[in-house]
Amino acid sequence: MIAVDSFANQSVAVMGLARSGLVAAAALQAGGADVLAWDDSDTGREAARARGLALTNLYECDWSGIAALILSPGIPHTFPKPHPVAEAAIAAGCAILCDIDLLARTVPDATYIGITGTNGKSTTTALVGHILKRAGRAVEIGGNIGLPVLDLERLGADGAYVLELSSYQLERIPSVKLNIAVLLNITPDHLDRHGDMNGYVAAKRLIFDRMGD
């Protein structure tokens, strides 16, 4: 696990304790953050307790001192309606991020390759990672495919993270500076989350806004 020290001595909320949320909470705690973790399900809360994470009811907490909310990609913060926890975070001016943003803050010197699209992104991500490994590069593959990114190996400046990025994740990675961005295709999908094709296209196009200088 990659310990995230960019929020050391700050309070960070984590909402949604499935695989990536659990790892993000543990990584933040290992990096010195005060983690306020919560999940709406008993299963998620039990998993957090089993991992030694303290639980905080984010519906009732004081958001004024919280630096960021790590929100599960499946939980909406805009359309069709913000989740109440996201709504409280937005009202407090709290940044809403996902685990991929935490990786970029913690390991800024590696190369980042982002791949998105409605169809084929998992195959393309795996293939690009395979080609780079065969070429002798230190490579980790993650994002919307495989292991949570904070469970990958920490890479140096000569390494590359090849990341499958969903439209949900693209909305929550302001710190990511992609060296290479790939948009494969866009066909109707997740319209209940993005409202219509215009909203979905706008989310996918964010991959180009996440490129470095």
N, C-alpha and C. Protein backbone atom coordinates (compact mmCIF):
# COMPACT_ATOMS: atom_id res chain seq x y z
N MET A 1 0.83 -1.20 0.00
CA MET A 1 0.00 0.00 0.00
C MET A 1 0.87 1.26 0.00
N ILE A 2 0.46 2.27 -0.77
CA ILE A 2 1.18 3.53 -0.84
C ILE A 2 0.59 4.47 0.21
N ALA A 3 1.38 4.84 1.22
CA ALA A 3 0.91 5.77 2.25
C ALA A 3 0.79 7.17 1.66
N VAL A 4 -0.35 7.81 1.88
CA VAL A 4 -0.62 9.14 1.33
C VAL A 4 -0.32 10.18 2.40
N ASP A 5 0.76 10.94 2.22
CA ASP A 5 1.16 11.91 3.23
C ASP A 5 0.78 13.35 2.89
N SER A 6 0.09 13.55 1.78
CA SER A 6 -0.24 14.92 1.36
C SER A 6 -1.32 15.56 2.23
N PHE A 7 -1.98 14.77 3.07
CA PHE A 7 -2.97 15.31 4.00
C PHE A 7 -2.58 15.04 5.45
N ALA A 8 -1.28 14.90 5.70
CA ALA A 8 -0.81 14.65 7.07
C ALA A 8 -1.28 15.75 8.01
N ASN A 9 -1.76 15.35 9.17
CA ASN A 9 -2.24 16.26 10.21
C ASN A 9 -3.48 17.05 9.80
N GLN A 10 -4.19 16.57 8.79
CA GLN A 10 -5.45 17.17 8.38
C GLN A 10 -6.56 16.13 8.47
N SER A 11 -7.78 16.61 8.56
CA SER A 11 -8.93 15.70 8.59
C SER A 11 -9.43 15.47 7.17
N VAL A 12 -9.62 14.20 6.83
CA VAL A 12 -10.11 13.83 5.50
C VAL A 12 -11.26 12.85 5.68
N ALA A 13 -12.37 13.11 5.01
CA ALA A 13 -13.53 12.23 5.04
C ALA A 13 -13.45 11.24 3.89
N VAL A 14 -13.84 10.01 4.16
CA VAL A 14 -13.91 8.97 3.11
C VAL A 14 -15.31 8.39 3.16
N MET A 15 -16.06 8.58 2.07
CA MET A 15 -17.43 8.09 1.99
C MET A 15 -17.50 6.97 0.94
N GLY A 16 -17.90 5.78 1.37
CA GLY A 16 -17.94 4.62 0.49
C GLY A 16 -16.75 3.74 0.75
N LEU A 17 -16.97 2.60 1.43
CA LEU A 17 -15.86 1.77 1.89
C LEU A 17 -15.85 0.41 1.21
N ALA A 18 -15.98 0.43 -0.11
CA ALA A 18 -15.70 -0.76 -0.90
C ALA A 18 -14.18 -0.84 -1.08
N ARG A 19 -13.69 -1.57 -2.07
CA ARG A 19 -12.25 -1.84 -2.15
C ARG A 19 -11.41 -0.57 -2.19
N SER A 20 -11.69 0.33 -3.13
CA SER A 20 -10.83 1.50 -3.27
C SER A 20 -10.99 2.45 -2.09
N GLY A 21 -12.20 2.57 -1.55
CA GLY A 21 -12.42 3.44 -0.40
C GLY A 21 -11.69 2.95 0.84
N LEU A 22 -11.73 1.65 1.08
CA LEU A 22 -11.02 1.09 2.23
C LEU A 22 -9.52 1.33 2.13
N VAL A 23 -8.98 1.07 0.95
CA VAL A 23 -7.53 1.26 0.76
C VAL A 23 -7.18 2.74 0.89
N ALA A 24 -8.00 3.63 0.34
CA ALA A 24 -7.73 5.06 0.45
C ALA A 24 -7.73 5.51 1.90
N ALA A 25 -8.71 5.04 2.67
CA ALA A 25 -8.78 5.41 4.09
C ALA A 25 -7.54 4.92 4.84
N ALA A 26 -7.15 3.67 4.58
CA ALA A 26 -5.97 3.12 5.25
C ALA A 26 -4.69 3.85 4.82
N ALA A 27 -4.59 4.20 3.54
CA ALA A 27 -3.41 4.90 3.03
C ALA A 27 -3.31 6.31 3.61
N LEU A 28 -4.43 6.98 3.73
CA LEU A 28 -4.44 8.30 4.35
C LEU A 28 -4.04 8.23 5.82
N GLN A 29 -4.59 7.24 6.51
CA GLN A 29 -4.26 7.07 7.92
C GLN A 29 -2.78 6.76 8.11
N ALA A 30 -2.24 5.92 7.23
CA ALA A 30 -0.82 5.59 7.29
C ALA A 30 0.06 6.81 7.04
N GLY A 31 -0.47 7.77 6.27
CA GLY A 31 0.27 8.99 5.96
C GLY A 31 0.08 10.11 6.97
N GLY A 32 -0.65 9.83 8.04
CA GLY A 32 -0.78 10.82 9.11
C GLY A 32 -2.03 11.66 9.11
N ALA A 33 -3.00 11.31 8.26
CA ALA A 33 -4.26 12.06 8.24
C ALA A 33 -5.19 11.55 9.33
N ASP A 34 -6.07 12.43 9.77
CA ASP A 34 -7.17 12.04 10.65
C ASP A 34 -8.33 11.65 9.75
N VAL A 35 -8.62 10.36 9.65
CA VAL A 35 -9.58 9.85 8.68
C VAL A 35 -10.95 9.68 9.33
N LEU A 36 -11.95 10.27 8.65
CA LEU A 36 -13.35 10.13 9.07
C LEU A 36 -14.02 9.25 8.01
N ALA A 37 -14.19 7.98 8.33
CA ALA A 37 -14.67 7.01 7.34
C ALA A 37 -16.11 6.63 7.60
N TRP A 38 -16.87 6.45 6.50
CA TRP A 38 -18.27 6.05 6.64
C TRP A 38 -18.75 5.33 5.39
N ASP A 39 -19.70 4.45 5.59
CA ASP A 39 -20.38 3.76 4.49
C ASP A 39 -21.83 3.59 4.89
N ASP A 40 -22.73 3.68 3.92
CA ASP A 40 -24.15 3.53 4.22
C ASP A 40 -24.54 2.09 4.53
N SER A 41 -23.68 1.15 4.18
CA SER A 41 -24.03 -0.26 4.39
C SER A 41 -23.32 -0.82 5.62
N ASP A 42 -23.99 -1.77 6.27
CA ASP A 42 -23.36 -2.48 7.39
C ASP A 42 -22.11 -3.22 6.93
N THR A 43 -22.15 -3.77 5.73
CA THR A 43 -21.02 -4.51 5.21
C THR A 43 -19.78 -3.63 5.10
N GLY A 44 -19.96 -2.44 4.56
CA GLY A 44 -18.85 -1.51 4.43
C GLY A 44 -18.29 -1.09 5.77
N ARG A 45 -19.17 -0.83 6.72
CA ARG A 45 -18.71 -0.41 8.05
C ARG A 45 -17.97 -1.54 8.76
N GLU A 46 -18.46 -2.76 8.60
CA GLU A 46 -17.78 -3.90 9.22
C GLU A 46 -16.40 -4.11 8.60
N ALA A 47 -16.29 -3.92 7.31
CA ALA A 47 -14.99 -4.05 6.64
C ALA A 47 -14.01 -3.02 7.17
N ALA A 48 -14.50 -1.81 7.43
CA ALA A 48 -13.64 -0.75 7.97
C ALA A 48 -13.16 -1.11 9.37
N ARG A 49 -14.06 -1.60 10.18
CA ARG A 49 -13.68 -2.00 11.54
C ARG A 49 -12.64 -3.12 11.49
N ALA A 50 -12.83 -4.06 10.59
CA ALA A 50 -11.89 -5.18 10.47
C ALA A 50 -10.50 -4.70 10.06
N ARG A 51 -10.44 -3.56 9.39
CA ARG A 51 -9.16 -3.02 8.95
C ARG A 51 -8.59 -2.05 9.98
N GLY A 52 -9.27 -1.88 11.10
CA GLY A 52 -8.78 -1.00 12.15
C GLY A 52 -9.09 0.46 11.94
N LEU A 53 -10.08 0.77 11.12
CA LEU A 53 -10.45 2.15 10.84
C LEU A 53 -11.61 2.58 11.75
N ALA A 54 -11.47 3.74 12.34
CA ALA A 54 -12.56 4.29 13.14
C ALA A 54 -13.64 4.84 12.22
N LEU A 55 -14.87 4.75 12.65
CA LEU A 55 -16.00 5.24 11.85
C LEU A 55 -16.53 6.55 12.40
N THR A 56 -16.93 7.42 11.48
CA THR A 56 -17.55 8.70 11.84
C THR A 56 -18.77 8.89 10.96
N ASN A 57 -19.90 9.17 11.56
CA ASN A 57 -21.12 9.39 10.78
C ASN A 57 -21.01 10.73 10.05
N LEU A 58 -20.77 10.67 8.74
CA LEU A 58 -20.53 11.88 7.95
C LEU A 58 -21.79 12.70 7.74
N TYR A 59 -22.95 12.14 8.08
CA TYR A 59 -24.19 12.91 8.01
C TYR A 59 -24.31 13.89 9.17
N GLU A 60 -23.50 13.68 10.19
CA GLU A 60 -23.64 14.47 11.41
C GLU A 60 -22.38 15.23 11.79
N CYS A 61 -21.33 15.14 11.01
CA CYS A 61 -20.05 15.73 11.40
C CYS A 61 -19.99 17.22 11.05
N ASP A 62 -19.00 17.90 11.63
CA ASP A 62 -18.72 19.31 11.34
C ASP A 62 -17.75 19.38 10.17
N TRP A 63 -18.21 19.90 9.04
CA TRP A 63 -17.40 19.92 7.83
C TRP A 63 -16.43 21.09 7.77
N SER A 64 -16.49 21.99 8.71
CA SER A 64 -15.67 23.20 8.61
C SER A 64 -14.17 22.92 8.69
N GLY A 65 -13.78 21.83 9.34
CA GLY A 65 -12.36 21.55 9.47
C GLY A 65 -11.87 20.39 8.62
N ILE A 66 -12.67 19.96 7.65
CA ILE A 66 -12.31 18.81 6.83
C ILE A 66 -11.68 19.29 5.51
N ALA A 67 -10.50 18.77 5.20
CA ALA A 67 -9.75 19.26 4.04
C ALA A 67 -10.27 18.72 2.72
N ALA A 68 -10.76 17.47 2.71
CA ALA A 68 -11.21 16.86 1.46
C ALA A 68 -12.16 15.71 1.76
N LEU A 69 -12.99 15.42 0.77
CA LEU A 69 -13.86 14.25 0.81
C LEU A 69 -13.43 13.30 -0.29
N ILE A 70 -13.04 12.08 0.09
CA ILE A 70 -12.74 11.04 -0.89
C ILE A 70 -14.05 10.27 -1.08
N LEU A 71 -14.67 10.49 -2.22
CA LEU A 71 -16.01 9.99 -2.47
C LEU A 71 -15.96 8.85 -3.48
N SER A 72 -16.59 7.74 -3.13
CA SER A 72 -16.65 6.60 -4.05
C SER A 72 -17.17 7.06 -5.41
N PRO A 73 -16.53 6.65 -6.51
CA PRO A 73 -16.97 7.11 -7.84
C PRO A 73 -18.44 6.82 -8.13
N GLY A 74 -19.00 5.79 -7.52
CA GLY A 74 -20.39 5.46 -7.78
C GLY A 74 -21.40 6.35 -7.08
N ILE A 75 -20.93 7.22 -6.18
CA ILE A 75 -21.83 8.11 -5.44
C ILE A 75 -21.86 9.47 -6.12
N PRO A 76 -23.03 9.96 -6.53
CA PRO A 76 -23.08 11.23 -7.28
C PRO A 76 -22.83 12.45 -6.40
N HIS A 77 -22.18 13.45 -6.97
CA HIS A 77 -22.02 14.73 -6.27
C HIS A 77 -22.68 15.88 -7.04
N THR A 78 -23.19 15.56 -8.23
CA THR A 78 -23.92 16.59 -9.00
C THR A 78 -25.23 15.99 -9.48
N PHE A 79 -25.27 15.58 -10.75
CA PHE A 79 -26.48 15.02 -11.35
C PHE A 79 -26.59 13.53 -11.00
N PRO A 80 -27.77 12.94 -10.83
CA PRO A 80 -29.08 13.60 -10.90
C PRO A 80 -29.43 14.38 -9.63
N LYS A 81 -28.77 14.02 -8.53
CA LYS A 81 -28.94 14.73 -7.28
C LYS A 81 -27.74 14.44 -6.40
N PRO A 82 -27.13 15.47 -5.81
CA PRO A 82 -25.97 15.21 -4.96
C PRO A 82 -26.35 14.33 -3.77
N HIS A 83 -25.49 13.40 -3.46
CA HIS A 83 -25.65 12.64 -2.22
C HIS A 83 -25.58 13.63 -1.05
N PRO A 84 -26.34 13.41 0.02
CA PRO A 84 -26.33 14.38 1.14
C PRO A 84 -24.94 14.65 1.70
N VAL A 85 -24.07 13.65 1.76
CA VAL A 85 -22.72 13.87 2.26
C VAL A 85 -21.93 14.75 1.29
N ALA A 86 -22.07 14.49 0.00
CA ALA A 86 -21.41 15.35 -0.99
C ALA A 86 -21.95 16.77 -0.93
N GLU A 87 -23.23 16.90 -0.74
CA GLU A 87 -23.86 18.22 -0.65
C GLU A 87 -23.30 19.01 0.53
N ALA A 88 -23.11 18.34 1.67
CA ALA A 88 -22.54 19.00 2.84
C ALA A 88 -21.10 19.42 2.59
N ALA A 89 -20.35 18.56 1.90
CA ALA A 89 -18.96 18.89 1.59
C ALA A 89 -18.87 20.09 0.65
N ILE A 90 -19.72 20.11 -0.36
CA ILE A 90 -19.73 21.22 -1.31
C ILE A 90 -20.08 22.53 -0.61
N ALA A 91 -21.06 22.48 0.28
CA ALA A 91 -21.48 23.68 1.01
C ALA A 91 -20.34 24.23 1.87
N ALA A 92 -19.47 23.34 2.33
CA ALA A 92 -18.34 23.76 3.17
C ALA A 92 -17.11 24.12 2.36
N GLY A 93 -17.21 24.04 1.03
CA GLY A 93 -16.07 24.33 0.17
C GLY A 93 -14.99 23.27 0.22
N CYS A 94 -15.40 22.04 0.48
CA CYS A 94 -14.48 20.93 0.64
C CYS A 94 -14.23 20.25 -0.72
N ALA A 95 -12.98 20.01 -1.06
CA ALA A 95 -12.65 19.35 -2.32
C ALA A 95 -13.18 17.92 -2.33
N ILE A 96 -13.74 17.50 -3.46
CA ILE A 96 -14.21 16.12 -3.62
C ILE A 96 -13.28 15.41 -4.59
N LEU A 97 -12.64 14.34 -4.11
CA LEU A 97 -11.59 13.66 -4.85
C LEU A 97 -11.87 12.16 -4.90
N CYS A 98 -11.03 11.42 -5.64
CA CYS A 98 -11.06 9.96 -5.56
C CYS A 98 -9.62 9.47 -5.36
N ASP A 99 -9.46 8.18 -5.20
CA ASP A 99 -8.16 7.63 -4.84
C ASP A 99 -7.08 7.90 -5.89
N ILE A 100 -7.47 8.05 -7.14
CA ILE A 100 -6.48 8.32 -8.19
C ILE A 100 -5.84 9.69 -7.98
N ASP A 101 -6.60 10.64 -7.51
CA ASP A 101 -6.04 11.95 -7.20
C ASP A 101 -5.02 11.83 -6.07
N LEU A 102 -5.32 11.00 -5.08
CA LEU A 102 -4.37 10.80 -3.98
C LEU A 102 -3.06 10.19 -4.48
N LEU A 103 -3.16 9.26 -5.43
CA LEU A 103 -1.95 8.68 -6.00
C LEU A 103 -1.11 9.76 -6.67
N ALA A 104 -1.73 10.60 -7.47
CA ALA A 104 -1.00 11.64 -8.20
C ALA A 104 -0.33 12.64 -7.25
N ARG A 105 -0.98 12.95 -6.14
CA ARG A 105 -0.38 13.86 -5.16
C ARG A 105 0.83 13.22 -4.48
N THR A 106 0.78 11.90 -4.31
CA THR A 106 1.79 11.20 -3.53
C THR A 106 2.97 10.76 -4.39
N VAL A 107 2.72 10.44 -5.64
CA VAL A 107 3.78 9.96 -6.55
C VAL A 107 3.77 10.84 -7.80
N PRO A 108 4.22 12.08 -7.68
CA PRO A 108 4.08 13.02 -8.80
C PRO A 108 5.10 12.84 -9.92
N ASP A 109 6.18 12.11 -9.67
CA ASP A 109 7.26 12.06 -10.66
C ASP A 109 7.12 10.95 -11.69
N ALA A 110 6.22 10.01 -11.45
CA ALA A 110 6.02 8.92 -12.41
C ALA A 110 5.32 9.43 -13.66
N THR A 111 5.37 8.65 -14.72
CA THR A 111 4.60 8.93 -15.93
C THR A 111 3.18 8.42 -15.73
N TYR A 112 2.21 9.21 -16.19
CA TYR A 112 0.80 8.82 -16.07
C TYR A 112 0.17 8.74 -17.46
N ILE A 113 -0.41 7.59 -17.76
CA ILE A 113 -1.12 7.37 -19.01
C ILE A 113 -2.58 7.08 -18.67
N GLY A 114 -3.48 7.91 -19.14
CA GLY A 114 -4.90 7.74 -18.85
C GLY A 114 -5.67 7.30 -20.08
N ILE A 115 -6.54 6.33 -19.91
CA ILE A 115 -7.31 5.78 -21.03
C ILE A 115 -8.77 5.74 -20.64
N THR A 116 -9.62 6.33 -21.48
CA THR A 116 -11.06 6.31 -21.23
C THR A 116 -11.80 6.03 -22.54
N GLY A 117 -13.09 5.86 -22.42
CA GLY A 117 -13.94 5.53 -23.57
C GLY A 117 -15.08 4.67 -23.08
N THR A 118 -16.14 4.60 -23.84
CA THR A 118 -17.27 3.77 -23.43
C THR A 118 -16.93 2.29 -23.55
N ASN A 119 -16.26 1.91 -24.63
CA ASN A 119 -15.96 0.50 -24.89
C ASN A 119 -14.46 0.33 -25.16
N GLY A 120 -13.91 -0.76 -24.66
CA GLY A 120 -12.54 -1.12 -24.99
C GLY A 120 -11.47 -0.57 -24.09
N LYS A 121 -11.84 0.20 -23.08
CA LYS A 121 -10.79 0.84 -22.28
C LYS A 121 -10.03 -0.16 -21.40
N SER A 122 -10.71 -1.18 -20.90
CA SER A 122 -10.00 -2.18 -20.09
C SER A 122 -8.98 -2.94 -20.94
N THR A 123 -9.41 -3.37 -22.13
CA THR A 123 -8.51 -4.09 -23.03
C THR A 123 -7.32 -3.22 -23.42
N THR A 124 -7.59 -1.97 -23.76
CA THR A 124 -6.52 -1.06 -24.19
C THR A 124 -5.56 -0.78 -23.04
N THR A 125 -6.10 -0.58 -21.85
CA THR A 125 -5.25 -0.33 -20.68
C THR A 125 -4.33 -1.51 -20.43
N ALA A 126 -4.89 -2.71 -20.45
CA ALA A 126 -4.09 -3.91 -20.22
C ALA A 126 -3.03 -4.09 -21.31
N LEU A 127 -3.39 -3.81 -22.56
CA LEU A 127 -2.46 -3.98 -23.67
C LEU A 127 -1.32 -2.98 -23.60
N VAL A 128 -1.63 -1.72 -23.30
CA VAL A 128 -0.57 -0.70 -23.18
C VAL A 128 0.38 -1.07 -22.05
N GLY A 129 -0.19 -1.49 -20.92
CA GLY A 129 0.66 -1.90 -19.81
C GLY A 129 1.55 -3.08 -20.18
N HIS A 130 1.01 -4.05 -20.90
CA HIS A 130 1.78 -5.22 -21.33
C HIS A 130 2.92 -4.83 -22.26
N ILE A 131 2.64 -3.96 -23.20
CA ILE A 131 3.67 -3.52 -24.16
C ILE A 131 4.81 -2.81 -23.43
N LEU A 132 4.46 -1.94 -22.50
CA LEU A 132 5.50 -1.21 -21.76
C LEU A 132 6.33 -2.15 -20.89
N LYS A 133 5.68 -3.14 -20.29
CA LYS A 133 6.44 -4.11 -19.49
C LYS A 133 7.39 -4.91 -20.36
N ARG A 134 6.92 -5.32 -21.54
CA ARG A 134 7.78 -6.07 -22.46
C ARG A 134 8.95 -5.22 -22.94
N ALA A 135 8.75 -3.89 -22.93
CA ALA A 135 9.82 -2.98 -23.33
C ALA A 135 10.78 -2.69 -22.18
N GLY A 136 10.53 -3.28 -21.03
CA GLY A 136 11.44 -3.13 -19.91
C GLY A 136 11.13 -2.00 -18.95
N ARG A 137 9.97 -1.37 -19.10
CA ARG A 137 9.60 -0.28 -18.19
C ARG A 137 8.99 -0.83 -16.91
N ALA A 138 9.19 -0.10 -15.82
CA ALA A 138 8.48 -0.39 -14.57
C ALA A 138 7.06 0.15 -14.73
N VAL A 139 6.06 -0.71 -14.65
CA VAL A 139 4.69 -0.35 -14.98
C VAL A 139 3.73 -0.90 -13.93
N GLU A 140 2.74 -0.11 -13.59
CA GLU A 140 1.61 -0.57 -12.77
C GLU A 140 0.32 -0.21 -13.50
N ILE A 141 -0.63 -1.13 -13.48
CA ILE A 141 -1.90 -0.95 -14.18
C ILE A 141 -3.02 -0.88 -13.14
N GLY A 142 -3.87 0.15 -13.25
CA GLY A 142 -4.93 0.28 -12.25
C GLY A 142 -6.01 1.25 -12.69
N GLY A 143 -6.67 1.84 -11.71
CA GLY A 143 -7.79 2.73 -11.99
C GLY A 143 -9.08 1.96 -11.95
N ASN A 144 -9.84 2.05 -13.02
CA ASN A 144 -11.13 1.37 -13.11
C ASN A 144 -10.96 -0.12 -13.46
N ILE A 145 -9.72 -0.58 -13.47
CA ILE A 145 -9.41 -1.97 -13.79
C ILE A 145 -8.47 -2.49 -12.71
N GLY A 146 -8.68 -3.68 -12.24
CA GLY A 146 -7.73 -4.32 -11.35
C GLY A 146 -7.74 -3.78 -9.93
N LEU A 147 -6.56 -3.74 -9.32
CA LEU A 147 -6.42 -3.34 -7.93
C LEU A 147 -6.67 -1.86 -7.73
N PRO A 148 -7.13 -1.44 -6.53
CA PRO A 148 -7.17 -0.02 -6.21
C PRO A 148 -5.78 0.58 -6.40
N VAL A 149 -5.70 1.81 -6.90
CA VAL A 149 -4.40 2.36 -7.28
C VAL A 149 -3.44 2.51 -6.09
N LEU A 150 -3.96 2.70 -4.90
CA LEU A 150 -3.08 2.86 -3.74
C LEU A 150 -2.56 1.52 -3.22
N ASP A 151 -3.02 0.43 -3.82
CA ASP A 151 -2.46 -0.89 -3.55
C ASP A 151 -1.42 -1.30 -4.58
N LEU A 152 -1.14 -0.41 -5.55
CA LEU A 152 -0.10 -0.68 -6.54
C LEU A 152 1.27 -0.39 -5.93
N GLU A 153 2.32 -0.76 -6.64
CA GLU A 153 3.67 -0.45 -6.20
C GLU A 153 3.96 1.04 -6.41
N ARG A 154 4.73 1.60 -5.50
CA ARG A 154 5.15 3.00 -5.67
C ARG A 154 6.29 3.04 -6.69
N LEU A 155 6.11 3.85 -7.73
CA LEU A 155 7.08 3.92 -8.81
C LEU A 155 7.92 5.19 -8.73
N GLY A 156 9.10 5.12 -9.30
CA GLY A 156 9.96 6.29 -9.40
C GLY A 156 9.73 7.04 -10.70
N ALA A 157 10.64 7.95 -10.99
CA ALA A 157 10.50 8.78 -12.19
C ALA A 157 10.59 7.98 -13.47
N ASP A 158 11.18 6.78 -13.41
CA ASP A 158 11.30 5.94 -14.60
C ASP A 158 10.12 4.99 -14.78
N GLY A 159 9.14 5.07 -13.88
CA GLY A 159 7.99 4.16 -13.94
C GLY A 159 6.77 4.83 -14.54
N ALA A 160 5.79 4.00 -14.91
CA ALA A 160 4.58 4.51 -15.55
C ALA A 160 3.34 3.83 -14.95
N TYR A 161 2.36 4.65 -14.61
CA TYR A 161 1.05 4.15 -14.23
C TYR A 161 0.13 4.23 -15.45
N VAL A 162 -0.42 3.09 -15.84
CA VAL A 162 -1.38 3.04 -16.95
C VAL A 162 -2.76 2.88 -16.30
N LEU A 163 -3.60 3.89 -16.44
CA LEU A 163 -4.83 3.97 -15.67
C LEU A 163 -6.07 3.99 -16.57
N GLU A 164 -6.95 3.04 -16.33
CA GLU A 164 -8.28 3.12 -16.94
C GLU A 164 -9.10 4.11 -16.12
N LEU A 165 -9.69 5.11 -16.80
CA LEU A 165 -10.41 6.17 -16.11
C LEU A 165 -11.87 6.21 -16.56
N SER A 166 -12.76 6.04 -15.62
CA SER A 166 -14.19 6.14 -15.92
C SER A 166 -14.60 7.61 -15.95
N SER A 167 -15.78 7.87 -16.49
CA SER A 167 -16.29 9.24 -16.49
C SER A 167 -16.47 9.74 -15.07
N TYR A 168 -16.83 8.84 -14.15
CA TYR A 168 -17.01 9.25 -12.75
C TYR A 168 -15.67 9.68 -12.14
N GLN A 169 -14.63 8.92 -12.42
CA GLN A 169 -13.32 9.24 -11.86
C GLN A 169 -12.75 10.52 -12.45
N LEU A 170 -12.97 10.75 -13.72
CA LEU A 170 -12.43 11.94 -14.38
C LEU A 170 -12.93 13.23 -13.73
N GLU A 171 -14.08 13.17 -13.10
CA GLU A 171 -14.63 14.36 -12.45
C GLU A 171 -13.94 14.68 -11.12
N ARG A 172 -13.11 13.74 -10.61
CA ARG A 172 -12.59 13.88 -9.24
C ARG A 172 -11.09 13.71 -9.16
N ILE A 173 -10.35 14.11 -10.20
CA ILE A 173 -8.90 13.96 -10.19
C ILE A 173 -8.20 15.26 -10.60
N PRO A 174 -8.46 16.37 -9.90
CA PRO A 174 -7.87 17.65 -10.31
C PRO A 174 -6.35 17.70 -10.21
N SER A 175 -5.74 16.83 -9.40
CA SER A 175 -4.28 16.86 -9.24
C SER A 175 -3.54 16.03 -10.27
N VAL A 176 -4.27 15.23 -11.04
CA VAL A 176 -3.62 14.34 -12.01
C VAL A 176 -3.12 15.14 -13.21
N LYS A 177 -1.87 14.93 -13.57
CA LYS A 177 -1.27 15.55 -14.75
C LYS A 177 -0.83 14.43 -15.70
N LEU A 178 -1.73 14.05 -16.60
CA LEU A 178 -1.44 12.94 -17.50
C LEU A 178 -0.36 13.33 -18.51
N ASN A 179 0.56 12.42 -18.75
CA ASN A 179 1.53 12.60 -19.83
C ASN A 179 0.93 12.20 -21.17
N ILE A 180 0.06 11.21 -21.14
CA ILE A 180 -0.63 10.74 -22.35
C ILE A 180 -2.09 10.51 -21.98
N ALA A 181 -3.00 11.02 -22.81
CA ALA A 181 -4.43 10.83 -22.60
C ALA A 181 -5.03 10.20 -23.85
N VAL A 182 -5.84 9.17 -23.66
CA VAL A 182 -6.44 8.44 -24.77
C VAL A 182 -7.96 8.40 -24.57
N LEU A 183 -8.70 8.89 -25.56
CA LEU A 183 -10.16 8.78 -25.59
C LEU A 183 -10.51 7.88 -26.76
N LEU A 184 -11.03 6.69 -26.46
CA LEU A 184 -11.25 5.68 -27.49
C LEU A 184 -12.52 5.92 -28.30
N ASN A 185 -13.62 6.15 -27.62
CA ASN A 185 -14.92 6.27 -28.28
C ASN A 185 -15.94 6.74 -27.27
N ILE A 186 -17.08 7.23 -27.74
CA ILE A 186 -18.17 7.62 -26.86
C ILE A 186 -19.48 7.16 -27.49
N THR A 187 -20.18 6.29 -26.80
CA THR A 187 -21.53 5.88 -27.18
C THR A 187 -22.41 6.00 -25.94
N PRO A 188 -23.73 6.08 -26.10
CA PRO A 188 -24.59 6.36 -24.95
C PRO A 188 -24.39 5.38 -23.79
N ASP A 189 -24.13 5.92 -22.61
CA ASP A 189 -23.91 5.12 -21.41
C ASP A 189 -23.97 6.05 -20.19
N HIS A 190 -24.37 5.53 -19.07
CA HIS A 190 -24.40 6.29 -17.81
C HIS A 190 -25.18 7.61 -17.94
N LEU A 191 -26.18 7.64 -18.79
CA LEU A 191 -26.92 8.89 -18.99
C LEU A 191 -27.74 9.25 -17.76
N ASP A 192 -28.08 8.25 -16.95
CA ASP A 192 -28.79 8.56 -15.71
C ASP A 192 -27.92 9.37 -14.77
N ARG A 193 -26.61 9.20 -14.87
CA ARG A 193 -25.67 9.92 -14.00
C ARG A 193 -25.28 11.28 -14.59
N HIS A 194 -25.14 11.33 -15.91
CA HIS A 194 -24.66 12.56 -16.56
C HIS A 194 -25.78 13.39 -17.20
N GLY A 195 -27.00 12.89 -17.19
CA GLY A 195 -28.14 13.69 -17.65
C GLY A 195 -28.51 13.44 -19.09
N ASP A 196 -27.54 13.55 -19.98
CA ASP A 196 -27.76 13.32 -21.40
C ASP A 196 -26.40 13.12 -22.06
N MET A 197 -26.39 12.96 -23.38
CA MET A 197 -25.12 12.73 -24.07
C MET A 197 -24.17 13.91 -23.93
N ASN A 198 -24.70 15.12 -23.90
CA ASN A 198 -23.82 16.28 -23.74
C ASN A 198 -23.07 16.21 -22.41
N GLY A 199 -23.79 15.84 -21.37
CA GLY A 199 -23.14 15.71 -20.07
C GLY A 199 -22.13 14.59 -20.03
N TYR A 200 -22.45 13.48 -20.68
CA TYR A 200 -21.54 12.34 -20.72
C TYR A 200 -20.28 12.68 -21.53
N VAL A 201 -20.47 13.32 -22.68
CA VAL A 201 -19.33 13.73 -23.51
C VAL A 201 -18.44 14.71 -22.73
N ALA A 202 -19.06 15.65 -22.03
CA ALA A 202 -18.28 16.62 -21.25
C ALA A 202 -17.43 15.93 -20.19
N ALA A 203 -18.00 14.90 -19.55
CA ALA A 203 -17.23 14.17 -18.54
C ALA A 203 -16.06 13.44 -19.17
N LYS A 204 -16.28 12.81 -20.31
CA LYS A 204 -15.19 12.09 -20.98
C LYS A 204 -14.09 13.04 -21.47
N ARG A 205 -14.50 14.21 -21.95
CA ARG A 205 -13.52 15.18 -22.46
C ARG A 205 -12.62 15.73 -21.36
N LEU A 206 -13.02 15.55 -20.11
CA LEU A 206 -12.18 16.00 -19.01
C LEU A 206 -10.80 15.36 -19.02
N ILE A 207 -10.66 14.22 -19.69
CA ILE A 207 -9.35 13.58 -19.73
C ILE A 207 -8.30 14.50 -20.34
N PHE A 208 -8.69 15.35 -21.27
CA PHE A 208 -7.73 16.25 -21.91
C PHE A 208 -7.43 17.45 -21.01
N ASP A 209 -8.36 17.80 -20.10
CA ASP A 209 -8.10 18.84 -19.12
C ASP A 209 -7.15 18.36 -18.03
N ARG A 210 -6.99 17.02 -17.92
CA ARG A 210 -6.13 16.45 -16.88
C ARG A 210 -4.71 16.20 -17.38
N MET A 211 -4.36 16.76 -18.53
CA MET A 211 -3.01 16.58 -19.06
C MET A 211 -2.08 17.62 -18.47
N GLY A 212 -0.80 17.24 -18.30
CA GLY A 212 0.19 18.17 -17.79
C GLY A 212 0.66 19.13 -18.88
N ASP A 213 1.48 20.06 -18.47
CA ASP A 213 2.00 21.05 -19.42
C ASP A 213 2.99 20.41 -20.39
